[in-house]
Amino acid sequence: MFMFGGISYLGWFHTILGIAAIVIGLYLLIRDRFIFMDTKLANFYLLSTVITCAASFLLYGATGFFNTAHWLSVITILAVFFALALQRFNIFGFLTVYFKQLALTGTVFFSMLPTTAEILQRLPPSNPIVDSIEDPLVLKFYMAYVVLFGIFGIYQVIKISREDIDGV
């Protein structure tokens, strides 16, 4: 397998596209407070997220086993397809917009967890900040994400209920 800097070309593709997807997802959430699926940027975000997650299944050879990050990829892909189904079909009536937006926000959250662990375990290359996902620093990041995304999810629910947001 072709490598550059100890990472395969597929690994670099996965990393660069994944970071771009997370940055775009965060940008959309900060700018609009939601991910509106009718925009080109949101479509790029969703497509790049699915491609990044799918690429992770080809990279599990790096760890030698199917790990938690891969399960998060499965959950992320399911959340994207769930949101796409809700975009097309009004399955849950007035609750559809809530489920759709929480699923879309969840894709950013689910992507950030393994990305944070990977960054902290790889940088700087000569002496990475942490050596495992059980490191207290990684766990603090995870807890911060749970709190931030939990509060943000509550905010989204309140905003949808108070305004006429169709969650397109």
N, C-alpha and C. Protein backbone atom coordinates (compact mmCIF):
# COMPACT_ATOMS: atom_id res chain seq x y z
N MET A 1 0.85 -1.18 0.00
CA MET A 1 0.00 0.00 0.00
C MET A 1 0.89 1.24 0.00
N PHE A 2 0.51 2.22 -0.80
CA PHE A 2 1.28 3.45 -0.90
C PHE A 2 1.05 4.29 0.34
N MET A 3 2.16 4.81 0.88
CA MET A 3 2.09 5.57 2.13
C MET A 3 2.80 6.91 1.96
N PHE A 4 2.35 7.87 2.71
CA PHE A 4 3.01 9.15 2.81
C PHE A 4 2.90 9.58 4.26
N GLY A 5 4.05 9.76 4.91
CA GLY A 5 4.05 10.17 6.31
C GLY A 5 3.43 9.14 7.23
N GLY A 6 3.53 7.87 6.88
CA GLY A 6 2.97 6.81 7.71
C GLY A 6 1.48 6.60 7.54
N ILE A 7 0.87 7.34 6.62
CA ILE A 7 -0.57 7.21 6.36
C ILE A 7 -0.75 6.89 4.88
N SER A 8 -1.63 5.95 4.60
CA SER A 8 -1.89 5.57 3.21
C SER A 8 -2.57 6.72 2.47
N TYR A 9 -2.50 6.66 1.15
CA TYR A 9 -3.17 7.69 0.36
C TYR A 9 -4.67 7.69 0.63
N LEU A 10 -5.25 6.50 0.79
CA LEU A 10 -6.66 6.42 1.14
C LEU A 10 -6.90 7.06 2.51
N GLY A 11 -5.96 6.85 3.43
CA GLY A 11 -6.05 7.47 4.75
C GLY A 11 -6.02 8.98 4.67
N TRP A 12 -5.15 9.51 3.81
CA TRP A 12 -5.09 10.97 3.63
C TRP A 12 -6.39 11.50 3.02
N PHE A 13 -6.88 10.78 2.00
CA PHE A 13 -8.15 11.17 1.37
C PHE A 13 -9.26 11.21 2.42
N HIS A 14 -9.35 10.15 3.21
CA HIS A 14 -10.35 10.03 4.27
C HIS A 14 -10.20 11.19 5.27
N THR A 15 -8.99 11.47 5.67
CA THR A 15 -8.72 12.51 6.67
C THR A 15 -9.06 13.90 6.14
N ILE A 16 -8.58 14.22 4.96
CA ILE A 16 -8.80 15.56 4.40
C ILE A 16 -10.28 15.79 4.12
N LEU A 17 -10.93 14.82 3.48
CA LEU A 17 -12.35 14.97 3.18
C LEU A 17 -13.18 15.01 4.47
N GLY A 18 -12.80 14.19 5.45
CA GLY A 18 -13.52 14.16 6.72
C GLY A 18 -13.42 15.46 7.49
N ILE A 19 -12.22 16.03 7.53
CA ILE A 19 -12.05 17.31 8.22
C ILE A 19 -12.82 18.41 7.49
N ALA A 20 -12.77 18.40 6.15
CA ALA A 20 -13.55 19.38 5.38
C ALA A 20 -15.04 19.24 5.69
N ALA A 21 -15.51 18.01 5.76
CA ALA A 21 -16.94 17.78 6.05
C ALA A 21 -17.31 18.31 7.43
N ILE A 22 -16.48 18.04 8.42
CA ILE A 22 -16.77 18.52 9.77
C ILE A 22 -16.77 20.05 9.82
N VAL A 23 -15.78 20.67 9.18
CA VAL A 23 -15.72 22.13 9.17
C VAL A 23 -16.97 22.71 8.50
N ILE A 24 -17.39 22.12 7.38
CA ILE A 24 -18.59 22.60 6.70
C ILE A 24 -19.83 22.36 7.56
N GLY A 25 -19.92 21.18 8.18
CA GLY A 25 -21.06 20.89 9.05
C GLY A 25 -21.16 21.88 10.20
N LEU A 26 -20.03 22.15 10.83
CA LEU A 26 -20.02 23.13 11.92
C LEU A 26 -20.38 24.52 11.40
N TYR A 27 -19.84 24.88 10.25
CA TYR A 27 -20.15 26.18 9.65
C TYR A 27 -21.66 26.32 9.42
N LEU A 28 -22.27 25.28 8.84
CA LEU A 28 -23.71 25.33 8.58
C LEU A 28 -24.50 25.46 9.88
N LEU A 29 -24.09 24.72 10.90
CA LEU A 29 -24.80 24.79 12.18
C LEU A 29 -24.63 26.16 12.85
N ILE A 30 -23.45 26.72 12.73
CA ILE A 30 -23.21 28.04 13.33
C ILE A 30 -23.94 29.12 12.53
N ARG A 31 -23.86 29.04 11.21
CA ARG A 31 -24.47 30.07 10.35
C ARG A 31 -26.00 30.03 10.39
N ASP A 32 -26.56 28.83 10.22
CA ASP A 32 -28.01 28.70 10.07
C ASP A 32 -28.71 28.10 11.28
N ARG A 33 -27.94 27.55 12.19
CA ARG A 33 -28.46 26.84 13.37
C ARG A 33 -29.06 25.48 13.00
N PHE A 34 -29.10 25.18 11.71
CA PHE A 34 -29.63 23.92 11.20
C PHE A 34 -28.83 23.54 9.96
N ILE A 35 -29.01 22.32 9.49
CA ILE A 35 -28.47 21.92 8.20
C ILE A 35 -29.67 21.80 7.27
N PHE A 36 -29.81 22.77 6.38
CA PHE A 36 -30.92 22.78 5.43
C PHE A 36 -30.49 22.02 4.18
N MET A 37 -31.15 20.91 3.91
CA MET A 37 -30.72 19.98 2.88
C MET A 37 -30.92 20.48 1.45
N ASP A 38 -31.54 21.63 1.27
CA ASP A 38 -31.77 22.14 -0.08
C ASP A 38 -30.63 23.03 -0.58
N THR A 39 -29.54 23.13 0.17
CA THR A 39 -28.42 23.96 -0.26
C THR A 39 -27.30 23.08 -0.81
N LYS A 40 -26.53 23.64 -1.73
CA LYS A 40 -25.41 22.90 -2.33
C LYS A 40 -24.36 22.57 -1.27
N LEU A 41 -24.12 23.50 -0.36
CA LEU A 41 -23.12 23.25 0.68
C LEU A 41 -23.55 22.10 1.59
N ALA A 42 -24.82 22.06 1.94
CA ALA A 42 -25.32 20.95 2.76
C ALA A 42 -25.23 19.63 2.01
N ASN A 43 -25.53 19.65 0.72
CA ASN A 43 -25.42 18.43 -0.08
C ASN A 43 -23.97 17.96 -0.16
N PHE A 44 -23.04 18.92 -0.31
CA PHE A 44 -21.62 18.55 -0.31
C PHE A 44 -21.25 17.96 1.05
N TYR A 45 -21.73 18.59 2.12
CA TYR A 45 -21.45 18.08 3.47
C TYR A 45 -21.94 16.64 3.61
N LEU A 46 -23.18 16.38 3.22
CA LEU A 46 -23.75 15.04 3.39
C LEU A 46 -23.01 14.02 2.54
N LEU A 47 -22.72 14.36 1.29
CA LEU A 47 -22.01 13.44 0.41
C LEU A 47 -20.60 13.16 0.92
N SER A 48 -19.88 14.21 1.32
CA SER A 48 -18.51 14.01 1.82
C SER A 48 -18.51 13.25 3.14
N THR A 49 -19.53 13.43 3.94
CA THR A 49 -19.64 12.68 5.20
C THR A 49 -19.84 11.19 4.92
N VAL A 50 -20.73 10.87 4.00
CA VAL A 50 -20.97 9.46 3.66
C VAL A 50 -19.73 8.83 3.04
N ILE A 51 -19.06 9.55 2.13
CA ILE A 51 -17.84 9.02 1.51
C ILE A 51 -16.76 8.80 2.56
N THR A 52 -16.60 9.75 3.46
CA THR A 52 -15.60 9.62 4.53
C THR A 52 -15.89 8.41 5.40
N CYS A 53 -17.14 8.24 5.78
CA CYS A 53 -17.52 7.09 6.60
C CYS A 53 -17.29 5.78 5.85
N ALA A 54 -17.66 5.74 4.58
CA ALA A 54 -17.46 4.53 3.78
C ALA A 54 -15.97 4.22 3.64
N ALA A 55 -15.15 5.25 3.47
CA ALA A 55 -13.70 5.04 3.37
C ALA A 55 -13.14 4.46 4.66
N SER A 56 -13.74 4.79 5.79
CA SER A 56 -13.23 4.26 7.06
C SER A 56 -13.33 2.74 7.11
N PHE A 57 -14.32 2.17 6.39
CA PHE A 57 -14.45 0.71 6.39
C PHE A 57 -13.29 0.06 5.66
N LEU A 58 -12.68 0.78 4.73
CA LEU A 58 -11.53 0.25 4.00
C LEU A 58 -10.23 0.46 4.78
N LEU A 59 -10.28 1.28 5.81
CA LEU A 59 -9.08 1.61 6.58
C LEU A 59 -8.95 0.83 7.88
N TYR A 60 -9.89 -0.04 8.18
CA TYR A 60 -9.82 -0.70 9.47
C TYR A 60 -8.58 -1.58 9.59
N GLY A 61 -7.89 -1.83 8.48
CA GLY A 61 -6.63 -2.57 8.54
C GLY A 61 -5.57 -1.84 9.35
N ALA A 62 -5.71 -0.52 9.49
CA ALA A 62 -4.74 0.25 10.28
C ALA A 62 -4.77 -0.15 11.74
N THR A 63 -5.95 -0.49 12.24
CA THR A 63 -6.07 -0.91 13.64
C THR A 63 -6.14 -2.42 13.75
N GLY A 64 -6.47 -3.07 12.64
CA GLY A 64 -6.55 -4.53 12.66
C GLY A 64 -7.91 -5.07 13.04
N PHE A 65 -8.83 -4.20 13.39
CA PHE A 65 -10.16 -4.67 13.77
C PHE A 65 -11.19 -3.56 13.57
N PHE A 66 -12.43 -3.96 13.57
CA PHE A 66 -13.56 -3.04 13.44
C PHE A 66 -13.79 -2.42 14.82
N ASN A 67 -13.48 -1.13 14.96
CA ASN A 67 -13.52 -0.51 16.29
C ASN A 67 -14.69 0.47 16.44
N THR A 68 -14.69 1.18 17.53
CA THR A 68 -15.77 2.12 17.85
C THR A 68 -15.93 3.19 16.77
N ALA A 69 -14.83 3.65 16.21
CA ALA A 69 -14.91 4.66 15.16
C ALA A 69 -15.69 4.14 13.96
N HIS A 70 -15.52 2.87 13.65
CA HIS A 70 -16.25 2.29 12.53
C HIS A 70 -17.74 2.19 12.84
N TRP A 71 -18.07 1.86 14.08
CA TRP A 71 -19.48 1.83 14.47
C TRP A 71 -20.09 3.22 14.39
N LEU A 72 -19.32 4.24 14.75
CA LEU A 72 -19.81 5.62 14.62
C LEU A 72 -20.04 5.97 13.15
N SER A 73 -19.19 5.42 12.26
CA SER A 73 -19.41 5.62 10.83
C SER A 73 -20.73 5.00 10.38
N VAL A 74 -21.01 3.80 10.88
CA VAL A 74 -22.28 3.14 10.55
C VAL A 74 -23.45 4.00 11.03
N ILE A 75 -23.37 4.48 12.27
CA ILE A 75 -24.44 5.31 12.83
C ILE A 75 -24.59 6.61 12.03
N THR A 76 -23.47 7.20 11.63
CA THR A 76 -23.51 8.45 10.87
C THR A 76 -24.18 8.24 9.52
N ILE A 77 -23.81 7.17 8.82
CA ILE A 77 -24.43 6.88 7.52
C ILE A 77 -25.93 6.64 7.70
N LEU A 78 -26.29 5.89 8.73
CA LEU A 78 -27.72 5.65 9.00
C LEU A 78 -28.46 6.96 9.29
N ALA A 79 -27.81 7.86 10.03
CA ALA A 79 -28.43 9.16 10.33
C ALA A 79 -28.63 9.99 9.06
N VAL A 80 -27.65 9.95 8.15
CA VAL A 80 -27.80 10.67 6.88
C VAL A 80 -28.97 10.10 6.09
N PHE A 81 -29.03 8.77 5.96
CA PHE A 81 -30.11 8.16 5.18
C PHE A 81 -31.47 8.34 5.86
N PHE A 82 -31.48 8.35 7.18
CA PHE A 82 -32.72 8.63 7.92
C PHE A 82 -33.20 10.05 7.59
N ALA A 83 -32.27 11.01 7.63
CA ALA A 83 -32.63 12.40 7.32
C ALA A 83 -33.11 12.53 5.87
N LEU A 84 -32.44 11.82 4.95
CA LEU A 84 -32.87 11.86 3.55
C LEU A 84 -34.28 11.28 3.39
N ALA A 85 -34.57 10.20 4.10
CA ALA A 85 -35.91 9.60 4.05
C ALA A 85 -36.94 10.57 4.62
N LEU A 86 -36.58 11.24 5.71
CA LEU A 86 -37.50 12.20 6.31
C LEU A 86 -37.69 13.43 5.43
N GLN A 87 -36.67 13.75 4.64
CA GLN A 87 -36.79 14.86 3.69
C GLN A 87 -37.84 14.54 2.63
N ARG A 88 -37.90 13.28 2.27
CA ARG A 88 -38.81 12.86 1.19
C ARG A 88 -40.20 12.44 1.68
N PHE A 89 -40.24 11.81 2.84
CA PHE A 89 -41.50 11.27 3.35
C PHE A 89 -41.81 11.87 4.72
N ASN A 90 -43.02 12.31 4.90
CA ASN A 90 -43.45 12.89 6.17
C ASN A 90 -43.89 11.75 7.10
N ILE A 91 -42.94 10.97 7.56
CA ILE A 91 -43.21 9.74 8.30
C ILE A 91 -43.83 10.01 9.67
N PHE A 92 -43.34 11.02 10.34
CA PHE A 92 -43.73 11.27 11.73
C PHE A 92 -44.62 12.51 11.90
N GLY A 93 -45.23 12.95 10.84
CA GLY A 93 -46.09 14.12 10.94
C GLY A 93 -45.30 15.35 11.35
N PHE A 94 -45.84 16.10 12.30
CA PHE A 94 -45.18 17.34 12.73
C PHE A 94 -43.82 17.08 13.39
N LEU A 95 -43.57 15.86 13.84
CA LEU A 95 -42.28 15.54 14.47
C LEU A 95 -41.18 15.29 13.45
N THR A 96 -41.53 15.13 12.18
CA THR A 96 -40.55 14.81 11.15
C THR A 96 -39.41 15.82 11.12
N VAL A 97 -39.72 17.11 11.14
CA VAL A 97 -38.69 18.14 11.08
C VAL A 97 -37.75 18.05 12.29
N TYR A 98 -38.28 17.72 13.44
CA TYR A 98 -37.45 17.58 14.64
C TYR A 98 -36.45 16.43 14.46
N PHE A 99 -36.97 15.27 14.08
CA PHE A 99 -36.11 14.10 13.91
C PHE A 99 -35.07 14.33 12.82
N LYS A 100 -35.49 14.98 11.74
CA LYS A 100 -34.57 15.22 10.63
C LYS A 100 -33.42 16.13 11.07
N GLN A 101 -33.74 17.23 11.72
CA GLN A 101 -32.69 18.16 12.12
C GLN A 101 -31.79 17.57 13.21
N LEU A 102 -32.35 16.83 14.13
CA LEU A 102 -31.52 16.20 15.16
C LEU A 102 -30.62 15.13 14.54
N ALA A 103 -31.11 14.41 13.54
CA ALA A 103 -30.27 13.43 12.85
C ALA A 103 -29.13 14.12 12.11
N LEU A 104 -29.42 15.22 11.44
CA LEU A 104 -28.38 15.95 10.71
C LEU A 104 -27.34 16.53 11.66
N THR A 105 -27.79 17.11 12.76
CA THR A 105 -26.85 17.63 13.75
C THR A 105 -26.03 16.49 14.34
N GLY A 106 -26.68 15.35 14.55
CA GLY A 106 -25.98 14.18 15.06
C GLY A 106 -24.86 13.71 14.16
N THR A 107 -24.99 13.91 12.85
CA THR A 107 -23.91 13.48 11.95
C THR A 107 -22.62 14.24 12.24
N VAL A 108 -22.75 15.51 12.57
CA VAL A 108 -21.56 16.30 12.90
C VAL A 108 -20.97 15.79 14.22
N PHE A 109 -21.81 15.59 15.20
CA PHE A 109 -21.38 15.08 16.51
C PHE A 109 -20.68 13.73 16.37
N PHE A 110 -21.31 12.79 15.66
CA PHE A 110 -20.74 11.45 15.51
C PHE A 110 -19.41 11.48 14.76
N SER A 111 -19.25 12.44 13.85
CA SER A 111 -17.99 12.55 13.11
C SER A 111 -16.88 13.15 13.95
N MET A 112 -17.24 14.04 14.86
CA MET A 112 -16.23 14.72 15.66
C MET A 112 -15.57 13.80 16.69
N LEU A 113 -16.29 12.81 17.17
CA LEU A 113 -15.73 11.93 18.20
C LEU A 113 -14.48 11.20 17.73
N PRO A 114 -14.54 10.40 16.66
CA PRO A 114 -13.32 9.70 16.25
C PRO A 114 -12.26 10.64 15.69
N THR A 115 -12.69 11.75 15.09
CA THR A 115 -11.73 12.70 14.53
C THR A 115 -10.88 13.31 15.64
N THR A 116 -11.51 13.68 16.73
CA THR A 116 -10.77 14.25 17.86
C THR A 116 -9.75 13.25 18.39
N ALA A 117 -10.18 12.02 18.58
CA ALA A 117 -9.27 10.99 19.09
C ALA A 117 -8.11 10.77 18.13
N GLU A 118 -8.39 10.73 16.83
CA GLU A 118 -7.34 10.52 15.84
C GLU A 118 -6.34 11.66 15.85
N ILE A 119 -6.83 12.89 15.88
CA ILE A 119 -5.93 14.05 15.88
C ILE A 119 -5.04 14.03 17.11
N LEU A 120 -5.63 13.79 18.26
CA LEU A 120 -4.85 13.80 19.50
C LEU A 120 -3.87 12.63 19.58
N GLN A 121 -4.18 11.52 18.91
CA GLN A 121 -3.28 10.36 18.93
C GLN A 121 -2.19 10.46 17.86
N ARG A 122 -2.32 11.37 16.91
CA ARG A 122 -1.35 11.46 15.81
C ARG A 122 -0.49 12.71 15.84
N LEU A 123 -0.92 13.74 16.55
CA LEU A 123 -0.18 15.00 16.52
C LEU A 123 0.36 15.38 17.88
N PRO A 124 1.52 15.97 17.93
CA PRO A 124 2.51 16.02 16.85
C PRO A 124 3.06 14.62 16.57
N PRO A 125 3.50 14.37 15.34
CA PRO A 125 3.93 13.02 14.96
C PRO A 125 5.04 12.44 15.85
N SER A 126 5.94 13.30 16.31
CA SER A 126 7.06 12.81 17.13
C SER A 126 6.65 12.46 18.56
N ASN A 127 5.61 13.09 19.06
CA ASN A 127 5.17 12.86 20.43
C ASN A 127 3.68 13.19 20.56
N PRO A 128 2.80 12.28 20.13
CA PRO A 128 1.36 12.57 20.16
C PRO A 128 0.87 12.97 21.55
N ILE A 129 -0.15 13.80 21.57
CA ILE A 129 -0.69 14.35 22.82
C ILE A 129 -1.24 13.25 23.72
N VAL A 130 -1.92 12.26 23.13
CA VAL A 130 -2.47 11.14 23.90
C VAL A 130 -2.08 9.84 23.21
N ASP A 131 -2.18 8.74 23.95
CA ASP A 131 -1.84 7.45 23.34
C ASP A 131 -3.01 6.48 23.25
N SER A 132 -4.20 6.91 23.70
CA SER A 132 -5.37 6.04 23.55
C SER A 132 -6.64 6.87 23.65
N ILE A 133 -7.75 6.25 23.22
CA ILE A 133 -9.03 6.97 23.30
C ILE A 133 -9.56 7.01 24.73
N GLU A 134 -8.93 6.26 25.63
CA GLU A 134 -9.33 6.29 27.04
C GLU A 134 -8.61 7.37 27.83
N ASP A 135 -7.70 8.10 27.18
CA ASP A 135 -6.97 9.16 27.85
C ASP A 135 -7.96 10.20 28.41
N PRO A 136 -7.71 10.71 29.62
CA PRO A 136 -8.62 11.69 30.22
C PRO A 136 -8.88 12.92 29.34
N LEU A 137 -7.88 13.36 28.57
CA LEU A 137 -8.09 14.52 27.70
C LEU A 137 -9.12 14.20 26.61
N VAL A 138 -9.01 13.02 26.01
CA VAL A 138 -9.98 12.61 24.99
C VAL A 138 -11.38 12.54 25.61
N LEU A 139 -11.47 11.95 26.78
CA LEU A 139 -12.76 11.82 27.45
C LEU A 139 -13.36 13.18 27.80
N LYS A 140 -12.50 14.15 28.13
CA LYS A 140 -12.99 15.51 28.40
C LYS A 140 -13.56 16.15 27.14
N PHE A 141 -12.87 15.94 26.01
CA PHE A 141 -13.42 16.43 24.75
C PHE A 141 -14.77 15.80 24.47
N TYR A 142 -14.85 14.48 24.65
CA TYR A 142 -16.12 13.77 24.42
C TYR A 142 -17.23 14.34 25.29
N MET A 143 -16.93 14.57 26.56
CA MET A 143 -17.94 15.11 27.47
C MET A 143 -18.35 16.52 27.04
N ALA A 144 -17.37 17.32 26.63
CA ALA A 144 -17.69 18.67 26.16
C ALA A 144 -18.61 18.61 24.94
N TYR A 145 -18.34 17.68 24.02
CA TYR A 145 -19.20 17.53 22.83
C TYR A 145 -20.61 17.10 23.23
N VAL A 146 -20.71 16.17 24.17
CA VAL A 146 -22.03 15.72 24.61
C VAL A 146 -22.82 16.90 25.18
N VAL A 147 -22.17 17.69 26.01
CA VAL A 147 -22.85 18.85 26.61
C VAL A 147 -23.22 19.87 25.54
N LEU A 148 -22.25 20.24 24.68
CA LEU A 148 -22.52 21.25 23.65
C LEU A 148 -23.61 20.81 22.68
N PHE A 149 -23.49 19.57 22.18
CA PHE A 149 -24.49 19.11 21.22
C PHE A 149 -25.83 18.84 21.90
N GLY A 150 -25.80 18.45 23.16
CA GLY A 150 -27.06 18.29 23.90
C GLY A 150 -27.79 19.61 24.05
N ILE A 151 -27.06 20.63 24.46
CA ILE A 151 -27.65 21.97 24.58
C ILE A 151 -28.11 22.48 23.22
N PHE A 152 -27.28 22.25 22.20
CA PHE A 152 -27.63 22.72 20.86
C PHE A 152 -28.88 21.99 20.34
N GLY A 153 -28.99 20.71 20.61
CA GLY A 153 -30.18 19.95 20.21
C GLY A 153 -31.43 20.48 20.88
N ILE A 154 -31.33 20.82 22.17
CA ILE A 154 -32.46 21.41 22.88
C ILE A 154 -32.82 22.76 22.26
N TYR A 155 -31.79 23.55 21.95
CA TYR A 155 -32.02 24.84 21.29
C TYR A 155 -32.77 24.64 19.96
N GLN A 156 -32.33 23.65 19.16
CA GLN A 156 -32.99 23.40 17.88
C GLN A 156 -34.46 23.03 18.06
N VAL A 157 -34.73 22.17 19.03
CA VAL A 157 -36.11 21.76 19.29
C VAL A 157 -36.96 22.97 19.65
N ILE A 158 -36.45 23.82 20.53
CA ILE A 158 -37.19 25.02 20.93
C ILE A 158 -37.38 25.95 19.74
N LYS A 159 -36.32 26.15 18.96
CA LYS A 159 -36.42 27.05 17.79
C LYS A 159 -37.42 26.53 16.77
N ILE A 160 -37.42 25.25 16.51
CA ILE A 160 -38.39 24.67 15.56
C ILE A 160 -39.81 24.86 16.08
N SER A 161 -40.00 24.63 17.38
CA SER A 161 -41.36 24.72 17.94
C SER A 161 -41.88 26.15 17.99
N ARG A 162 -40.99 27.14 18.07
CA ARG A 162 -41.42 28.54 18.17
C ARG A 162 -41.54 29.23 16.81
N GLU A 163 -40.88 28.69 15.81
CA GLU A 163 -40.88 29.34 14.51
C GLU A 163 -41.37 28.37 13.45
N ASP A 164 -41.64 28.91 12.29
CA ASP A 164 -42.08 28.07 11.18
C ASP A 164 -40.85 27.62 10.41
N ILE A 165 -40.17 26.63 10.95
CA ILE A 165 -38.97 26.09 10.32
C ILE A 165 -39.34 24.73 9.76
N ASP A 166 -39.23 24.61 8.45
CA ASP A 166 -39.60 23.33 7.85
C ASP A 166 -38.43 22.37 7.78
N GLY A 167 -37.24 22.86 8.08
CA GLY A 167 -36.09 21.96 8.12
C GLY A 167 -35.68 21.42 6.78
N VAL A 168 -36.01 22.16 5.72
CA VAL A 168 -35.64 21.71 4.38
C VAL A 168 -34.17 21.52 4.38
